[in-house]
Amino acid sequence: QIQVVESGGGLVQPGGSLRISCSASGSIFSLYHAAWYRQAPGEERKFVAQVDRGGSTHYVDFVKGRFTISRDNDKNIVYLQMNDLKPEDTAVYYCTAFAPFSKEYWGQGTQVTVSS
């Protein structure tokens, strides 16, 4: 079993940057893939980015070139660096950890608001 907790959300102006974090505990985090999703008010939760346990990364088209996902297995943390933020990036951002041998584990989310 694994627990994940997101942090680092906040209010940022359009064009600004923010880095959010996902801290994992309770199991060998390096065995898990990790991903970020986001959910805006009135919308479904959507995939944003993924970093595999081997380090490969995947992004949805609307964040390519602006967001970077990374992981530090020594610290059991996954980061999402978000640059050139736009108002449409406003959402609750959720972290999930998953593996072929396990179910998905979700955090409670962290709010990111992009507004002037």
Protein backbone atom coordinates (compact mmCIF):
# COMPACT_ATOMS: atom_id res chain seq x y z
CA GLN A 1 0.00 0.00 0.00
CA ILE A 2 1.12 3.55 -0.69
CA GLN A 3 -0.08 6.98 0.36
CA VAL A 4 0.33 10.13 -1.71
CA VAL A 5 -0.02 13.75 -0.61
CA GLU A 6 0.03 16.74 -2.93
CA SER A 7 1.36 20.15 -1.99
CA GLY A 8 2.56 23.43 -3.46
CA GLY A 9 -0.59 24.74 -5.07
CA GLY A 10 -1.57 28.38 -4.91
CA LEU A 11 -2.43 31.55 -6.79
CA VAL A 12 -0.20 32.61 -9.66
CA GLN A 13 -0.51 35.24 -12.35
CA PRO A 14 -0.85 34.34 -16.03
CA GLY A 15 2.57 33.64 -17.50
CA GLY A 16 3.93 32.67 -14.11
CA SER A 17 5.40 29.42 -12.84
CA LEU A 18 4.60 27.02 -10.04
CA ARG A 19 5.98 23.69 -8.91
CA ILE A 20 3.68 21.23 -7.19
CA SER A 21 4.83 18.13 -5.37
CA CYS A 22 3.52 14.67 -4.62
CA SER A 23 5.03 12.93 -1.61
CA ALA A 24 4.66 9.17 -1.35
CA SER A 25 5.04 6.90 1.63
CA GLY A 26 4.27 3.39 2.76
CA SER A 27 5.86 1.28 0.05
CA ILE A 28 8.74 1.14 -2.40
CA PHE A 29 7.85 4.16 -4.48
CA SER A 30 10.38 3.35 -7.19
CA LEU A 31 8.21 0.36 -8.19
CA TYR A 32 5.28 2.62 -9.06
CA HIS A 33 4.45 4.78 -12.02
CA ALA A 34 3.15 8.23 -11.09
CA ALA A 35 0.90 10.69 -12.86
CA TRP A 36 -0.75 14.05 -12.47
CA TYR A 37 -4.37 14.70 -13.36
CA ARG A 38 -6.41 17.85 -13.00
CA GLN A 39 -10.06 18.69 -12.58
CA ALA A 40 -11.56 22.09 -13.26
CA PRO A 41 -14.98 23.06 -11.85
CA GLY A 42 -17.76 21.34 -13.74
CA GLU A 43 -15.37 19.21 -15.75
CA GLU A 44 -14.12 15.65 -15.64
CA ARG A 45 -10.73 14.78 -14.24
CA LYS A 46 -8.16 14.84 -17.06
CA PHE A 47 -4.71 13.34 -17.52
CA VAL A 48 -1.85 15.84 -17.51
CA ALA A 49 1.47 14.00 -17.30
CA GLN A 50 3.03 10.69 -16.28
CA VAL A 51 6.47 9.51 -15.27
CA ASP A 52 7.03 5.77 -15.45
CA ARG A 53 9.01 3.88 -12.83
CA GLY A 54 11.79 3.68 -15.45
CA GLY A 55 11.78 7.45 -15.90
CA SER A 56 9.97 7.78 -19.24
CA THR A 57 7.61 10.73 -19.38
CA HIS A 58 4.33 11.36 -21.18
CA TYR A 59 2.30 14.54 -21.55
CA VAL A 60 -1.07 15.60 -22.82
CA ASP A 61 -0.79 17.93 -25.80
CA PHE A 62 -2.08 21.05 -24.06
CA VAL A 63 0.83 21.11 -21.57
CA LYS A 64 3.68 19.99 -23.81
CA GLY A 65 6.49 22.51 -23.74
CA ARG A 66 5.13 24.18 -20.60
CA PHE A 67 4.97 21.46 -17.92
CA THR A 68 7.69 19.07 -16.82
CA ILE A 69 7.13 16.00 -14.66
CA SER A 70 10.01 14.48 -12.74
CA ARG A 71 10.62 12.13 -9.83
CA ASP A 72 13.16 11.72 -7.06
CA ASN A 73 12.99 8.14 -5.86
CA ASP A 74 15.42 8.82 -3.03
CA LYS A 75 12.98 11.36 -1.59
CA ASN A 76 9.81 9.57 -2.79
CA ILE A 77 8.59 12.73 -4.50
CA VAL A 78 7.11 13.48 -7.90
CA TYR A 79 7.19 17.06 -9.13
CA LEU A 80 5.21 18.94 -11.74
CA GLN A 81 6.95 22.11 -12.86
CA MET A 82 4.44 24.35 -14.58
CA ASN A 83 5.62 27.32 -16.65
CA ASP A 84 3.77 29.90 -18.74
CA LEU A 85 0.61 29.22 -16.80
CA LYS A 86 -2.72 30.19 -18.32
CA PRO A 87 -6.10 30.84 -16.71
CA GLU A 88 -7.35 27.59 -18.25
CA ASP A 89 -4.76 25.72 -16.17
CA THR A 90 -6.82 26.56 -13.09
CA ALA A 91 -7.89 23.30 -11.49
CA VAL A 92 -7.38 20.93 -8.61
CA TYR A 93 -4.31 18.86 -9.42
CA TYR A 94 -4.25 15.24 -8.26
CA CYS A 95 -1.36 12.83 -8.01
CA THR A 96 -1.74 9.10 -8.49
CA ALA A 97 0.67 6.21 -8.02
CA PHE A 98 -0.01 2.89 -9.69
CA ALA A 99 1.68 -0.35 -10.70
CA PRO A 100 0.76 -3.53 -12.59
CA PHE A 101 0.59 -5.43 -9.29
CA SER A 102 -1.44 -2.82 -7.44
CA LYS A 103 -4.48 -0.60 -7.52
CA GLU A 104 -4.27 3.14 -8.09
CA TYR A 105 -3.61 5.38 -5.11
CA TRP A 106 -4.84 8.97 -5.21
CA GLY A 107 -4.12 12.03 -3.13
CA GLN A 108 -6.58 14.68 -2.02
CA GLY A 109 -5.43 17.24 -4.55
CA THR A 110 -3.92 20.71 -4.49
CA GLN A 111 -5.61 23.81 -5.89
CA VAL A 112 -3.85 25.80 -8.60
CA THR A 113 -5.42 29.12 -9.55
CA VAL A 114 -4.11 31.22 -12.43
CA SER A 115 -5.51 34.72 -12.29
CA SER A 116 -4.45 38.34 -12.40
